[in-house]
Amino acid sequence: MDDDAEAPFIDPESDYPCCWFCPALRLPRTGFLVADRPSRDWPFDAADGFRYTADARTPVCVHPGRVGLAVQLTARTYADPPLPGPEEEDLRGRPRRWWRAGFRAVPARRYPGAP
C-alpha cells in the first residue's frame, strides 16, 4: 500500500533546486515548517543537517522559493549593541580617546641583512 502522507514533500529525483539537506527531501509536508530566511531563531544542527525551532525542535526549511511554499515563520531582526562613542567614559571614569583605546605599537622585526 502506498501512503502519500509519509512520502517526502519533494521527490529527490525532481528538478526542484532545493538544498541537499532540506527537510522537504526527507519529511512529509506536515513534518517541517517554512521560514523566510536562516536565523538564530532556528539554529542549524550539524548532527543531522536540519535547522530546528528552539521551542519544539521542529525541522525548518529556510528557502521557501526553492520548495514553492508560503512562509510560516519570520525571523526577528537582531541588532548588535552600538559601539561606545569617542567621548564616552571608560571603566576608570576618564573620557575615551583614540590613543587610549588599548592598542600598543609593536616594534618592527629586524631581519638579518635588512636595511
N, C-alpha and C. Protein backbone atom coordinates (compact mmCIF):
# COMPACT_ATOMS: atom_id res chain seq x y z
N MET A 1 0.84 -1.17 0.00
CA MET A 1 0.00 0.00 0.00
C MET A 1 0.90 1.24 0.00
N ASP A 2 0.57 2.21 -0.84
CA ASP A 2 1.36 3.43 -0.98
C ASP A 2 0.74 4.54 -0.16
N ASP A 3 1.47 5.06 0.82
CA ASP A 3 0.95 6.10 1.69
C ASP A 3 1.61 7.43 1.34
N ASP A 4 0.86 8.34 0.69
CA ASP A 4 1.40 9.63 0.28
C ASP A 4 1.67 10.55 1.46
N ALA A 5 1.04 10.33 2.59
CA ALA A 5 1.24 11.19 3.76
C ALA A 5 2.64 11.04 4.33
N GLU A 6 3.27 9.90 4.15
CA GLU A 6 4.60 9.67 4.70
C GLU A 6 5.70 9.84 3.66
N ALA A 7 5.35 10.11 2.41
CA ALA A 7 6.35 10.32 1.37
C ALA A 7 7.00 11.70 1.55
N PRO A 8 8.27 11.88 1.15
CA PRO A 8 8.87 13.21 1.23
C PRO A 8 8.08 14.22 0.40
N PHE A 9 8.06 15.47 0.85
CA PHE A 9 7.32 16.51 0.14
C PHE A 9 7.85 16.70 -1.27
N ILE A 10 9.18 16.67 -1.42
CA ILE A 10 9.80 16.80 -2.74
C ILE A 10 10.54 15.52 -3.06
N ASP A 11 10.30 15.00 -4.23
CA ASP A 11 10.98 13.80 -4.69
C ASP A 11 12.45 14.15 -4.97
N PRO A 12 13.39 13.43 -4.41
CA PRO A 12 14.81 13.74 -4.64
C PRO A 12 15.21 13.70 -6.11
N GLU A 13 14.45 12.99 -6.92
CA GLU A 13 14.77 12.90 -8.35
C GLU A 13 14.17 14.05 -9.15
N SER A 14 13.42 14.95 -8.52
CA SER A 14 12.76 16.04 -9.23
C SER A 14 13.77 17.15 -9.57
N ASP A 15 13.31 18.15 -10.29
CA ASP A 15 14.17 19.26 -10.70
C ASP A 15 14.11 20.46 -9.76
N TYR A 16 13.54 20.29 -8.56
CA TYR A 16 13.49 21.40 -7.62
C TYR A 16 14.91 21.77 -7.19
N PRO A 17 15.22 23.07 -7.11
CA PRO A 17 16.58 23.49 -6.75
C PRO A 17 16.80 23.59 -5.24
N CYS A 18 16.21 22.70 -4.46
CA CYS A 18 16.35 22.80 -3.01
C CYS A 18 17.69 22.22 -2.56
N CYS A 19 18.07 22.57 -1.34
CA CYS A 19 19.34 22.13 -0.78
C CYS A 19 19.34 20.61 -0.56
N TRP A 20 20.50 20.00 -0.56
CA TRP A 20 20.58 18.54 -0.41
C TRP A 20 20.20 18.09 1.00
N PHE A 21 20.23 19.00 1.98
CA PHE A 21 19.86 18.64 3.36
C PHE A 21 18.50 19.20 3.75
N CYS A 22 17.72 19.68 2.80
CA CYS A 22 16.42 20.28 3.09
C CYS A 22 15.46 19.24 3.70
N PRO A 23 14.70 19.62 4.73
CA PRO A 23 13.74 18.67 5.30
C PRO A 23 12.65 18.28 4.32
N ALA A 24 12.42 19.08 3.28
CA ALA A 24 11.41 18.74 2.28
C ALA A 24 11.78 17.49 1.49
N LEU A 25 13.08 17.17 1.43
CA LEU A 25 13.52 15.97 0.73
C LEU A 25 13.38 14.70 1.57
N ARG A 26 13.27 14.87 2.89
CA ARG A 26 13.23 13.70 3.77
C ARG A 26 11.94 13.55 4.56
N LEU A 27 11.16 14.63 4.68
CA LEU A 27 9.96 14.59 5.52
C LEU A 27 8.71 14.92 4.71
N PRO A 28 7.55 14.43 5.17
CA PRO A 28 6.29 14.86 4.53
C PRO A 28 6.02 16.33 4.85
N ARG A 29 5.09 16.95 4.14
CA ARG A 29 4.80 18.37 4.33
C ARG A 29 4.40 18.70 5.77
N THR A 30 3.77 17.83 6.46
CA THR A 30 3.37 18.09 7.84
C THR A 30 4.53 17.96 8.82
N GLY A 31 5.70 17.55 8.38
CA GLY A 31 6.82 17.31 9.27
C GLY A 31 7.79 18.45 9.41
N PHE A 32 7.59 19.58 8.68
CA PHE A 32 8.53 20.70 8.78
C PHE A 32 7.81 22.01 8.57
N LEU A 33 8.45 23.09 9.03
CA LEU A 33 7.94 24.44 8.85
C LEU A 33 8.78 25.15 7.80
N VAL A 34 8.27 26.28 7.29
CA VAL A 34 8.99 27.05 6.28
C VAL A 34 9.24 28.45 6.83
N ALA A 35 10.51 28.88 6.80
CA ALA A 35 10.89 30.21 7.30
C ALA A 35 11.32 31.09 6.15
N ASP A 36 11.34 32.40 6.41
CA ASP A 36 11.71 33.33 5.36
C ASP A 36 13.21 33.37 5.07
N ARG A 37 14.03 33.03 6.06
CA ARG A 37 15.49 33.05 5.88
C ARG A 37 16.14 32.36 7.06
N PRO A 38 17.44 32.04 6.98
CA PRO A 38 18.14 31.50 8.14
C PRO A 38 18.17 32.52 9.26
N SER A 39 18.16 32.03 10.49
CA SER A 39 18.13 32.92 11.64
C SER A 39 18.65 32.19 12.87
N ARG A 40 19.02 32.98 13.90
CA ARG A 40 19.38 32.38 15.18
C ARG A 40 18.16 31.78 15.86
N ASP A 41 16.97 32.14 15.40
CA ASP A 41 15.74 31.60 15.99
C ASP A 41 15.57 30.11 15.67
N TRP A 42 16.14 29.65 14.59
CA TRP A 42 16.11 28.22 14.24
C TRP A 42 17.52 27.81 13.80
N PRO A 43 18.36 27.48 14.80
CA PRO A 43 19.76 27.16 14.53
C PRO A 43 19.95 25.84 13.80
N PHE A 44 21.07 25.75 13.10
CA PHE A 44 21.45 24.57 12.34
C PHE A 44 22.03 23.52 13.27
N ASP A 45 21.62 22.28 13.10
CA ASP A 45 22.15 21.17 13.88
C ASP A 45 22.99 20.31 12.95
N ALA A 46 24.30 20.34 13.12
CA ALA A 46 25.20 19.62 12.23
C ALA A 46 25.07 18.11 12.36
N ALA A 47 24.48 17.62 13.43
CA ALA A 47 24.35 16.18 13.63
C ALA A 47 23.48 15.54 12.56
N ASP A 48 22.40 16.19 12.16
CA ASP A 48 21.53 15.60 11.14
C ASP A 48 21.26 16.53 9.95
N GLY A 49 21.76 17.76 9.98
CA GLY A 49 21.64 18.65 8.84
C GLY A 49 20.36 19.47 8.79
N PHE A 50 19.57 19.50 9.83
CA PHE A 50 18.34 20.28 9.84
C PHE A 50 18.53 21.54 10.67
N ARG A 51 17.71 22.54 10.39
CA ARG A 51 17.52 23.67 11.28
C ARG A 51 16.28 23.35 12.09
N TYR A 52 16.30 23.72 13.37
CA TYR A 52 15.17 23.41 14.25
C TYR A 52 14.66 24.66 14.93
N THR A 53 13.37 24.67 15.24
CA THR A 53 12.83 25.71 16.10
C THR A 53 13.36 25.46 17.51
N ALA A 54 13.57 26.51 18.26
CA ALA A 54 14.16 26.37 19.59
C ALA A 54 13.21 25.74 20.59
N ASP A 55 11.92 25.98 20.44
CA ASP A 55 10.98 25.50 21.46
C ASP A 55 10.60 24.04 21.29
N ALA A 56 10.21 23.61 20.10
CA ALA A 56 9.71 22.25 19.91
C ALA A 56 10.61 21.37 19.06
N ARG A 57 11.77 21.91 18.61
CA ARG A 57 12.69 21.17 17.73
C ARG A 57 11.98 20.63 16.50
N THR A 58 11.19 21.48 15.87
CA THR A 58 10.54 21.13 14.60
C THR A 58 11.49 21.51 13.47
N PRO A 59 11.74 20.63 12.50
CA PRO A 59 12.63 20.99 11.39
C PRO A 59 12.09 22.19 10.62
N VAL A 60 13.02 23.00 10.12
CA VAL A 60 12.66 24.24 9.41
C VAL A 60 13.40 24.30 8.08
N CYS A 61 12.65 24.59 7.01
CA CYS A 61 13.23 24.88 5.70
C CYS A 61 13.35 26.39 5.60
N VAL A 62 14.50 26.92 5.16
CA VAL A 62 14.71 28.36 5.13
C VAL A 62 14.74 28.93 3.72
N HIS A 63 14.32 28.18 2.73
CA HIS A 63 14.28 28.67 1.35
C HIS A 63 12.89 28.40 0.76
N PRO A 64 11.90 29.24 1.11
CA PRO A 64 10.54 28.99 0.63
C PRO A 64 10.41 29.04 -0.88
N GLY A 65 11.20 29.84 -1.55
CA GLY A 65 11.13 29.93 -3.01
C GLY A 65 11.61 28.67 -3.70
N ARG A 66 12.52 27.96 -3.08
CA ARG A 66 13.06 26.74 -3.69
C ARG A 66 12.10 25.55 -3.58
N VAL A 67 11.27 25.56 -2.56
CA VAL A 67 10.33 24.45 -2.40
C VAL A 67 8.91 24.83 -2.82
N GLY A 68 8.69 26.10 -3.15
CA GLY A 68 7.39 26.55 -3.63
C GLY A 68 6.32 26.60 -2.55
N LEU A 69 6.69 27.00 -1.34
CA LEU A 69 5.73 27.08 -0.24
C LEU A 69 5.69 28.49 0.35
N ALA A 70 4.59 28.80 1.02
CA ALA A 70 4.46 30.09 1.69
C ALA A 70 5.22 30.07 3.01
N VAL A 71 5.66 31.24 3.43
CA VAL A 71 6.41 31.39 4.67
C VAL A 71 5.48 31.26 5.87
N GLN A 72 5.91 30.47 6.86
CA GLN A 72 5.16 30.32 8.11
C GLN A 72 5.85 31.02 9.27
N LEU A 73 7.17 31.09 9.25
CA LEU A 73 7.97 31.71 10.31
C LEU A 73 8.73 32.90 9.75
N THR A 74 8.78 33.98 10.50
CA THR A 74 9.54 35.16 10.10
C THR A 74 10.63 35.40 11.13
N ALA A 75 11.85 35.57 10.65
CA ALA A 75 12.98 35.77 11.55
C ALA A 75 12.96 37.16 12.15
N ARG A 76 13.35 37.23 13.43
CA ARG A 76 13.48 38.53 14.09
C ARG A 76 14.73 39.23 13.58
N THR A 77 14.73 40.52 13.63
CA THR A 77 15.90 41.30 13.26
C THR A 77 16.72 41.55 14.51
N TYR A 78 17.95 41.07 14.47
CA TYR A 78 18.85 41.24 15.61
C TYR A 78 19.75 42.43 15.34
N ALA A 79 19.93 43.25 16.32
CA ALA A 79 20.82 44.41 16.20
C ALA A 79 21.92 44.29 17.24
N ASP A 80 23.14 44.46 16.79
CA ASP A 80 24.26 44.45 17.72
C ASP A 80 24.25 45.75 18.51
N PRO A 81 24.70 45.73 19.76
CA PRO A 81 24.72 46.97 20.54
C PRO A 81 25.68 47.97 19.89
N PRO A 82 25.36 49.27 19.98
CA PRO A 82 26.24 50.28 19.35
C PRO A 82 27.59 50.34 20.05
N LEU A 83 28.59 50.68 19.28
CA LEU A 83 29.93 50.85 19.84
C LEU A 83 29.97 52.13 20.65
N PRO A 84 30.79 52.18 21.71
CA PRO A 84 30.86 53.41 22.51
C PRO A 84 31.46 54.54 21.68
N GLY A 85 30.95 55.73 21.89
CA GLY A 85 31.45 56.91 21.19
C GLY A 85 32.80 57.34 21.72
N PRO A 86 33.47 58.24 21.02
CA PRO A 86 34.81 58.65 21.45
C PRO A 86 34.80 59.46 22.74
N GLU A 87 33.69 60.08 23.08
CA GLU A 87 33.64 60.89 24.29
C GLU A 87 33.03 60.17 25.48
N GLU A 88 32.61 58.92 25.31
CA GLU A 88 32.07 58.17 26.45
C GLU A 88 33.21 57.80 27.39
N GLU A 89 32.89 57.65 28.64
CA GLU A 89 33.92 57.36 29.62
C GLU A 89 34.27 55.88 29.62
N ASP A 90 35.55 55.59 29.89
CA ASP A 90 35.96 54.20 30.02
C ASP A 90 35.65 53.72 31.44
N LEU A 91 36.08 52.55 31.79
CA LEU A 91 35.76 51.96 33.09
C LEU A 91 36.39 52.73 34.25
N ARG A 92 37.44 53.48 34.03
CA ARG A 92 38.10 54.23 35.10
C ARG A 92 37.51 55.62 35.26
N GLY A 93 36.48 55.98 34.49
CA GLY A 93 35.84 57.27 34.63
C GLY A 93 36.47 58.37 33.79
N ARG A 94 37.44 58.02 32.94
CA ARG A 94 38.07 59.03 32.10
C ARG A 94 37.47 58.97 30.70
N PRO A 95 37.46 60.09 30.00
CA PRO A 95 36.94 60.06 28.62
C PRO A 95 37.81 59.16 27.75
N ARG A 96 37.18 58.46 26.83
CA ARG A 96 37.92 57.59 25.91
C ARG A 96 38.48 58.42 24.77
N ARG A 97 39.68 58.15 24.44
CA ARG A 97 40.30 58.82 23.30
C ARG A 97 40.94 57.74 22.45
N TRP A 98 41.15 58.06 21.20
CA TRP A 98 41.66 57.05 20.29
C TRP A 98 43.03 56.54 20.71
N TRP A 99 43.85 57.39 21.34
CA TRP A 99 45.17 56.92 21.75
C TRP A 99 45.14 56.13 23.04
N ARG A 100 43.97 56.06 23.68
CA ARG A 100 43.83 55.24 24.88
C ARG A 100 42.94 54.03 24.64
N ALA A 101 42.85 53.61 23.43
CA ALA A 101 41.95 52.51 23.10
C ALA A 101 42.50 51.15 23.50
N GLY A 102 43.71 51.10 24.01
CA GLY A 102 44.26 49.83 24.43
C GLY A 102 45.19 49.20 23.40
N PHE A 103 45.43 49.89 22.30
CA PHE A 103 46.31 49.36 21.27
C PHE A 103 47.74 49.81 21.57
N ARG A 104 48.67 48.89 21.43
CA ARG A 104 50.07 49.23 21.63
C ARG A 104 50.79 49.02 20.31
N ALA A 105 51.76 49.84 20.09
CA ALA A 105 52.57 49.69 18.90
C ALA A 105 53.51 48.50 19.10
N VAL A 106 53.66 47.71 18.09
CA VAL A 106 54.55 46.56 18.14
C VAL A 106 55.82 46.94 17.39
N PRO A 107 56.98 46.78 18.02
CA PRO A 107 58.21 47.15 17.31
C PRO A 107 58.41 46.25 16.09
N ALA A 108 58.96 46.85 15.07
CA ALA A 108 59.20 46.12 13.83
C ALA A 108 60.32 45.09 14.04
N ARG A 109 60.20 43.99 13.34
CA ARG A 109 61.25 42.96 13.42
C ARG A 109 62.38 43.32 12.49
N ARG A 110 63.54 43.07 12.96
CA ARG A 110 64.72 43.27 12.12
C ARG A 110 65.19 41.91 11.62
N TYR A 111 65.28 41.80 10.32
CA TYR A 111 65.75 40.57 9.72
C TYR A 111 67.20 40.72 9.33
N PRO A 112 67.96 39.63 9.43
CA PRO A 112 69.38 39.72 9.03
C PRO A 112 69.49 40.17 7.58
N GLY A 113 70.29 41.17 7.36
CA GLY A 113 70.52 41.67 6.00
C GLY A 113 69.51 42.71 5.58
N ALA A 114 68.54 43.04 6.45
CA ALA A 114 67.57 44.07 6.09
C ALA A 114 68.17 45.44 6.35
N PRO A 115 67.83 46.44 5.55
CA PRO A 115 68.41 47.78 5.75
C PRO A 115 67.88 48.44 7.00
